[in-house]
Structures are given as C-alpha cells and as structure tokens.
Amino acid sequence: MKTILPQLRLRMRGLAPICWLLLSGALAGPVLAGEGTATAADGTRLHYVDNGRASTQPTLVFVPGWGMDHTIWDAQLAAFDATHRVVAMDPRSQGASQQTGSGNTPEGRAGDIEAVLAAQGLDTVVLIGWSQGVQDVAAYVDRYGTGRVAGLVLVDAAVSNGAAAVAADPQAAQQLLQRMAVYAAHPREYLRGMMGAIFVKPLAPERLQQRVDIALRTPVSTGVAMLVADLYGMDRSAALKKFDRPTLIVASAGSAELQAQRAAAAQIPGAVLEVVTDAGHGVFVDQPEVFNAALRRFLLKAQR
C-alpha cells in the first residue's frame, strides 16, 4: 500500500470531483441543539440535525457527499445558526442513518430529502448539495419539482450525464473502476489516501481519523455501488431545465469539472457562479469564510 497510495493520490487530482466526496471538515461536535429521525418511503431511518429556529428566512437544508455525515457542514451550521433555521441530514447508509441495501442512488435519496422536509413541515427551503449531494438535489428537483424550494446551491460537481459519460471519457471510467478495486481491498488506507486530493488544507491527524471512521460506516460494497450510480446511473442533465428558483453554483478554481459547472450556470436562467481559489473539492471546508460570504450574498439576492 505504500507504493499504491502516492500513485493513487496523484491520479485522483485530475478526476471528477464527485469521486472524492470523502472526508474532511471540522469535527468540533454537534453545532445544533436538536436531532431527529425521519422515515423514508421504504422504511429506512434517516438521521438529521435541526436547530429548530423560528425564522422568516428560508430554511437552509444541507446535503453532504459520499461517505459523509452532517458534520462536514459544521462551519456552515455554526455560521448561519443565528439567522436561519438550519437542517443537515445524513444520507441513507451514511453517518447515523440506517444502512440499507436498496435506494442508495440519487433517485432514492431524492425521496429521502422529501421525507425529511415533510417530517419537519418545511415548505420554503434552500437546498445545498455538495458533490454526490449535487446529484441528489438534481434528482430531487427532477422528481418533486420546486414547490418547497426557495433556492438551490450546487457545490463543486457537475450534474451527471449518466452512462453517456463512459463513452465521452472512457479513461475516467476505467480509472474509477481501478480505484474502486483498491477501495474494496484496502478501504481504510484508500480513504486516508484520498485526503491529499480533496483538500488544500490538511486535516489534523485526529480529525482525519474521525473522518475516515465516519466514511467506514458505509459498507464498502454499498460505497462502490453508490459511486457508480452517482456518475453513470442516470442522465440528470435534463433536471437543470426545471431549476426555476434562484441558483448558486460554487466551484473550486482547480475543479476538473469547472467547465461543466460554467455550462450549467449558463443554462439556468439567472444562475450565479462563484469560483473559489486556494480550495480543493471541499471548497466550504478549505475556505469556509469565502463560501459563507458567497452564500449570504446569494440569500440576500434571492430575497429580492
């Protein structure tokens, strides 16, 4: 593994960022006072945290990426706690949500988002998805529309073109399958090796260990299936035509998908694109103040 990991780290830097949703963020403990469980249509238990604040502002709903739980958003939950109701969920088979062998796709998780919103009676929300969460938000809008939605925020990932992406970039598909073989054989080492590809600012050793442990709660076979479904399962690009609410796209300046994110912003009427320098895929972890400022500007503009 000593020879595998440096090569893996180098290969990962130029690839689609959704594959590297993994593992960072401050783990300072719970930011929010409340937590709860919603039940999905298939009976899966979904964990979320909620500050329960009464506010005239839209509720901010944070959706993390692959292998992550709600704590990846701790800096944002703390920053907006005083002004907004903030909710962050653990996707099925991740974090404290129930592990399940079914529904581990953006289309399945779209139903989970709806279950959390319905359980809390949330009808005016800003959906904020990162990487795999971008696919989940796109799938949500495609299935449920924007009746509950006041705004949409897509963070550092392009909406997937489905199986057509294999033909468009067969080398990337081949590399993904090769990496999944390493992940299946050496999950802990693989997850630790991902860090250099995701974040510009290294995590402290104890936070790195905590983040890897969180990702390991997802069974490896489920994790592999999730990535394939995220990247190559469904063509979700048509969902962008249904984005009829104010939309913010936040991208790392070094993202391999920056061009595709620019194209998405051009396709959505009135969409705002913010490009963040000196940040890796985890833009909001590397540059929390820059990200939070961009989100505040967007929220003010969306209210007009």
Protein backbone atom coordinates (compact mmCIF):
# COMPACT_ATOMS: atom_id res chain seq x y z
CA MET A 1 0.00 0.00 0.00
CA LYS A 2 2.96 2.37 0.50
CA THR A 3 3.52 2.31 -3.24
CA ILE A 4 -0.17 2.35 -4.15
CA LEU A 5 -1.21 5.40 -2.18
CA PRO A 6 1.16 8.00 -3.66
CA GLN A 7 0.21 6.89 -7.17
CA LEU A 8 -3.47 6.92 -6.21
CA ARG A 9 -3.18 10.44 -4.80
CA LEU A 10 -1.59 11.74 -7.97
CA ARG A 11 -4.18 10.11 -10.21
CA MET A 12 -7.09 11.44 -8.17
CA ARG A 13 -6.15 15.10 -8.54
CA GLY A 14 -7.35 15.43 -12.11
CA LEU A 15 -10.53 13.38 -11.92
CA ALA A 16 -14.21 14.14 -11.49
CA PRO A 17 -14.63 15.54 -8.01
CA ILE A 18 -17.74 13.59 -7.17
CA CYS A 19 -15.48 10.58 -6.61
CA TRP A 20 -13.72 12.40 -3.82
CA LEU A 21 -16.57 13.38 -1.62
CA LEU A 22 -14.94 11.85 1.21
CA LEU A 23 -13.53 13.08 4.21
CA SER A 24 -12.92 16.33 5.85
CA GLY A 25 -14.29 19.15 7.83
CA ALA A 26 -14.08 20.29 11.38
CA LEU A 27 -15.39 17.72 13.81
CA ALA A 28 -15.94 20.05 16.70
CA GLY A 29 -19.00 18.18 17.93
CA PRO A 30 -22.68 18.93 17.43
CA VAL A 31 -23.42 22.52 16.50
CA LEU A 32 -27.19 22.18 16.66
CA ALA A 33 -29.26 21.50 19.73
CA GLY A 34 -31.76 19.17 18.09
CA GLU A 35 -31.61 15.98 16.13
CA GLY A 36 -34.25 13.69 14.79
CA THR A 37 -35.16 10.75 12.62
CA ALA A 38 -37.40 10.74 9.57
CA THR A 39 -38.68 7.60 7.89
CA ALA A 40 -38.28 7.17 4.15
CA ALA A 41 -41.00 5.64 1.98
CA ASP A 42 -39.28 2.24 2.16
CA GLY A 43 -38.94 2.42 5.94
CA THR A 44 -35.27 3.47 6.07
CA ARG A 45 -34.49 5.62 9.12
CA LEU A 46 -32.83 8.93 8.22
CA HIS A 47 -30.88 10.93 10.78
CA TYR A 48 -30.73 14.72 10.68
CA VAL A 49 -29.86 17.68 12.89
CA ASP A 50 -32.02 20.80 13.16
CA ASN A 51 -31.58 23.98 15.19
CA GLY A 52 -35.36 24.49 15.18
CA ARG A 53 -35.03 28.25 14.94
CA ALA A 54 -38.16 30.23 14.18
CA SER A 55 -37.27 32.49 11.27
CA THR A 56 -38.91 34.31 8.42
CA GLN A 57 -35.94 33.35 6.26
CA PRO A 58 -35.92 30.16 4.15
CA THR A 59 -34.62 27.08 5.93
CA LEU A 60 -31.15 26.01 4.80
CA VAL A 61 -31.00 22.26 4.17
CA PHE A 62 -27.50 20.82 3.75
CA VAL A 63 -26.92 17.55 1.87
CA PRO A 64 -23.41 16.04 2.19
CA GLY A 65 -21.46 13.89 -0.21
CA TRP A 66 -20.38 10.27 -0.42
CA GLY A 67 -19.19 8.72 2.83
CA MET A 68 -20.02 11.87 4.78
CA ASP A 69 -22.38 12.82 7.56
CA HIS A 70 -23.83 16.18 8.60
CA THR A 71 -20.67 17.22 10.49
CA ILE A 72 -18.91 18.08 7.23
CA TRP A 73 -21.10 21.21 7.26
CA ASP A 74 -20.24 22.25 10.84
CA ALA A 75 -18.71 25.60 9.82
CA GLN A 76 -21.84 26.50 7.86
CA LEU A 77 -24.25 25.28 10.54
CA ALA A 78 -22.46 27.48 13.07
CA ALA A 79 -22.26 30.49 10.75
CA PHE A 80 -25.98 30.55 9.91
CA ASP A 81 -27.37 29.30 13.22
CA ALA A 82 -28.18 32.80 14.47
CA THR A 83 -30.11 33.93 11.39
CA HIS A 84 -31.70 30.85 9.81
CA ARG A 85 -33.24 27.56 10.60
CA VAL A 86 -30.59 25.09 9.51
CA VAL A 87 -31.02 21.39 8.87
CA ALA A 88 -28.37 18.88 7.81
CA MET A 89 -29.03 15.24 7.04
CA ASP A 90 -27.06 12.03 6.93
CA PRO A 91 -27.89 10.26 3.65
CA ARG A 92 -29.05 6.67 3.88
CA SER A 93 -26.22 4.20 4.56
CA GLN A 94 -24.07 7.11 5.79
CA GLY A 95 -23.39 8.61 9.19
CA ALA A 96 -26.08 7.82 11.75
CA SER A 97 -28.73 6.97 9.15
CA GLN A 98 -29.75 3.37 8.68
CA GLN A 99 -27.63 1.18 6.42
CA THR A 100 -29.69 -0.38 3.68
CA GLY A 101 -29.06 -2.43 0.57
CA SER A 102 -31.57 -0.52 -1.53
CA GLY A 103 -32.20 3.04 -2.61
CA ASN A 104 -28.53 4.06 -2.49
CA THR A 105 -28.84 6.21 -5.60
CA PRO A 106 -29.50 9.92 -6.14
CA GLU A 107 -33.03 8.99 -7.18
CA GLY A 108 -33.55 7.05 -3.95
CA ARG A 109 -32.00 9.79 -1.85
CA ALA A 110 -34.25 12.37 -3.52
CA GLY A 111 -37.11 10.63 -1.75
CA ASP A 112 -35.14 10.83 1.49
CA ILE A 113 -34.79 14.59 1.15
CA GLU A 114 -38.54 14.82 0.65
CA ALA A 115 -39.10 12.62 3.71
CA VAL A 116 -37.02 14.94 5.91
CA LEU A 117 -38.74 18.06 4.56
CA ALA A 118 -42.18 16.52 5.05
CA ALA A 119 -41.37 15.28 8.55
CA GLN A 120 -40.43 18.80 9.62
CA GLY A 121 -43.12 20.56 7.62
CA LEU A 122 -40.55 22.55 5.65
CA ASP A 123 -42.10 24.31 2.66
CA THR A 124 -39.62 27.11 1.96
CA VAL A 125 -36.08 25.75 1.77
CA VAL A 126 -32.75 26.38 0.14
CA LEU A 127 -31.30 23.00 -0.84
CA ILE A 128 -27.50 22.95 -0.62
CA GLY A 129 -25.79 19.86 -2.03
CA TRP A 130 -22.08 19.05 -2.27
CA SER A 131 -20.66 16.62 -4.85
CA GLN A 132 -22.81 13.49 -4.53
CA GLY A 133 -25.28 15.86 -2.92
CA VAL A 134 -25.41 17.78 -6.21
CA GLN A 135 -26.75 14.63 -7.86
CA ASP A 136 -29.26 14.22 -5.02
CA VAL A 137 -30.52 17.79 -5.37
CA ALA A 138 -30.83 17.44 -9.15
CA ALA A 139 -32.74 14.17 -8.72
CA TYR A 140 -34.99 15.86 -6.14
CA VAL A 141 -35.91 18.71 -8.47
CA ASP A 142 -36.47 16.29 -11.33
CA ARG A 143 -38.85 14.15 -9.26
CA TYR A 144 -40.57 16.62 -6.95
CA GLY A 145 -40.17 19.97 -8.66
CA THR A 146 -39.56 23.19 -6.74
CA GLY A 147 -42.79 23.57 -4.80
CA ARG A 148 -40.95 23.51 -1.47
CA VAL A 149 -37.83 25.23 -2.81
CA ALA A 150 -36.80 28.88 -2.48
CA GLY A 151 -33.27 28.41 -3.80
CA LEU A 152 -30.72 25.85 -4.95
CA VAL A 153 -26.98 25.65 -4.27
CA LEU A 154 -24.74 23.19 -6.10
CA VAL A 155 -21.23 22.82 -4.70
CA ASP A 156 -18.28 21.68 -6.84
CA ALA A 157 -19.79 18.99 -9.02
CA ALA A 158 -21.47 18.86 -12.40
CA VAL A 159 -24.82 17.16 -12.79
CA SER A 160 -24.18 13.72 -14.27
CA ASN A 161 -24.82 12.82 -17.91
CA GLY A 162 -25.28 9.16 -16.95
CA ALA A 163 -23.94 6.26 -19.00
CA ALA A 164 -23.07 8.58 -21.87
CA ALA A 165 -20.18 9.81 -19.73
CA VAL A 166 -18.47 6.44 -20.21
CA ALA A 167 -18.22 6.96 -23.94
CA ALA A 168 -17.35 10.63 -23.50
CA ASP A 169 -14.40 9.85 -21.21
CA PRO A 170 -13.61 6.12 -21.16
CA GLN A 171 -10.29 6.70 -19.43
CA ALA A 172 -12.00 8.28 -16.43
CA ALA A 173 -14.41 5.34 -16.22
CA GLN A 174 -11.54 2.89 -16.35
CA GLN A 175 -9.65 4.74 -13.64
CA LEU A 176 -12.72 4.84 -11.43
CA LEU A 177 -13.10 1.06 -11.64
CA GLN A 178 -9.41 0.61 -10.86
CA ARG A 179 -9.69 2.81 -7.80
CA MET A 180 -12.80 1.01 -6.63
CA ALA A 181 -10.79 -2.22 -6.64
CA VAL A 182 -8.26 -0.58 -4.32
CA TYR A 183 -11.06 0.75 -2.12
CA ALA A 184 -12.62 -2.73 -1.90
CA ALA A 185 -9.33 -4.35 -0.93
CA HIS A 186 -7.95 -1.64 1.38
CA PRO A 187 -10.79 0.67 2.43
CA ARG A 188 -9.13 2.43 5.36
CA GLU A 189 -5.88 3.04 3.51
CA TYR A 190 -7.79 4.16 0.44
CA LEU A 191 -9.87 6.64 2.39
CA ARG A 192 -6.82 8.11 4.11
CA GLY A 193 -5.10 8.42 0.75
CA MET A 194 -7.99 10.45 -0.61
CA MET A 195 -7.22 13.39 1.65
CA GLY A 196 -4.47 14.89 -0.44
CA ALA A 197 -6.80 15.01 -3.45
CA ILE A 198 -9.75 16.68 -1.79
CA PHE A 199 -8.48 19.45 0.43
CA VAL A 200 -5.81 22.09 0.09
CA LYS A 201 -5.52 22.44 3.86
CA PRO A 202 -4.58 19.15 5.55
CA LEU A 203 -6.65 17.95 8.47
CA ALA A 204 -5.18 17.47 11.91
CA PRO A 205 -4.43 13.77 12.49
CA GLU A 206 -7.30 13.25 14.94
CA ARG A 207 -9.80 14.87 12.58
CA LEU A 208 -8.50 12.83 9.69
CA GLN A 209 -9.01 9.66 11.73
CA GLN A 210 -12.53 10.67 12.74
CA ARG A 211 -13.46 11.48 9.16
CA VAL A 212 -12.17 8.13 7.90
CA ASP A 213 -14.07 6.33 10.66
CA ILE A 214 -17.29 8.08 9.60
CA ALA A 215 -16.79 7.04 5.99
CA LEU A 216 -16.14 3.46 7.04
CA ARG A 217 -19.69 3.25 8.45
CA THR A 218 -20.83 2.83 4.85
CA PRO A 219 -20.28 -0.80 3.76
CA VAL A 220 -17.66 -0.94 1.03
CA SER A 221 -19.93 -2.77 -1.43
CA THR A 222 -22.56 -0.08 -0.91
CA GLY A 223 -19.98 2.66 -1.37
CA VAL A 224 -18.85 1.21 -4.70
CA ALA A 225 -22.42 0.90 -5.95
CA MET A 226 -23.22 4.44 -4.87
CA LEU A 227 -20.34 5.92 -6.84
CA VAL A 228 -21.28 4.05 -9.99
CA ALA A 229 -24.91 5.13 -9.67
CA ASP A 230 -23.88 8.73 -8.99
CA LEU A 231 -21.62 9.03 -12.01
CA TYR A 232 -23.08 6.65 -14.58
CA GLY A 233 -26.55 5.67 -13.44
CA MET A 234 -28.99 8.27 -14.74
CA ASP A 235 -28.66 11.22 -17.07
CA ARG A 236 -29.79 14.05 -14.77
CA SER A 237 -28.80 16.92 -17.05
CA ALA A 238 -32.43 17.49 -18.10
CA ALA A 239 -33.25 18.34 -14.48
CA LEU A 240 -31.43 21.66 -14.95
CA LYS A 241 -34.33 22.80 -17.12
CA LYS A 242 -36.54 22.53 -14.04
CA PHE A 243 -34.32 24.82 -11.95
CA ASP A 244 -36.77 27.72 -11.84
CA ARG A 245 -35.61 29.09 -8.49
CA PRO A 246 -32.55 31.27 -7.75
CA THR A 247 -29.48 29.08 -8.14
CA LEU A 248 -25.91 29.39 -6.90
CA ILE A 249 -23.07 27.21 -8.18
CA VAL A 250 -19.86 27.25 -6.14
CA ALA A 251 -16.79 25.70 -7.74
CA SER A 252 -13.14 25.29 -6.89
CA ALA A 253 -10.88 27.10 -9.34
CA GLY A 254 -8.97 23.83 -9.69
CA SER A 255 -12.01 21.65 -10.30
CA ALA A 256 -11.76 19.19 -13.19
CA GLU A 257 -15.45 19.91 -13.77
CA LEU A 258 -15.20 23.69 -13.77
CA GLN A 259 -16.08 23.95 -17.47
CA ALA A 260 -19.16 21.77 -16.99
CA GLN A 261 -20.22 23.85 -13.99
CA ARG A 262 -19.86 27.02 -16.03
CA ALA A 263 -22.05 25.45 -18.71
CA ALA A 264 -24.68 24.55 -16.11
CA ALA A 265 -24.70 28.11 -14.78
CA ALA A 266 -25.20 29.41 -18.31
CA GLN A 267 -28.11 27.02 -18.83
CA ILE A 268 -30.04 28.04 -15.69
CA PRO A 269 -31.67 31.47 -16.03
CA GLY A 270 -30.16 33.93 -13.57
CA ALA A 271 -27.78 31.40 -12.00
CA VAL A 272 -24.74 32.77 -10.16
CA LEU A 273 -21.34 31.07 -10.44
CA GLU A 274 -18.77 31.65 -7.69
CA VAL A 275 -15.26 30.30 -8.32
CA VAL A 276 -13.12 29.94 -5.20
CA THR A 277 -9.33 29.96 -5.33
CA ASP A 278 -6.96 28.21 -2.93
CA ALA A 279 -9.51 25.47 -2.28
CA GLY A 280 -9.87 21.83 -3.14
CA HIS A 281 -13.03 19.87 -3.76
CA GLY A 282 -14.17 20.57 -0.20
CA VAL A 283 -14.49 24.28 -1.00
CA PHE A 284 -16.55 25.10 2.08
CA VAL A 285 -14.05 23.34 4.36
CA ASP A 286 -10.91 24.85 2.85
CA GLN A 287 -12.41 28.35 2.57
CA PRO A 288 -15.39 28.48 4.95
CA GLU A 289 -15.48 32.27 5.25
CA VAL A 290 -15.36 32.75 1.48
CA PHE A 291 -18.05 30.12 0.96
CA ASN A 292 -20.27 31.51 3.70
CA ALA A 293 -19.95 35.03 2.31
CA ALA A 294 -20.97 33.80 -1.15
CA LEU A 295 -23.96 32.01 0.35
CA ARG A 296 -25.00 35.12 2.28
CA ARG A 297 -24.83 37.25 -0.86
CA PHE A 298 -26.92 34.70 -2.70
CA LEU A 299 -29.54 34.56 0.04
CA LEU A 300 -29.88 38.33 0.07
CA LYS A 301 -30.22 38.47 -3.71
CA ALA A 302 -32.74 35.61 -3.72
CA GLN A 303 -35.00 37.53 -1.31
CA ARG A 304 -35.37 40.49 -3.67
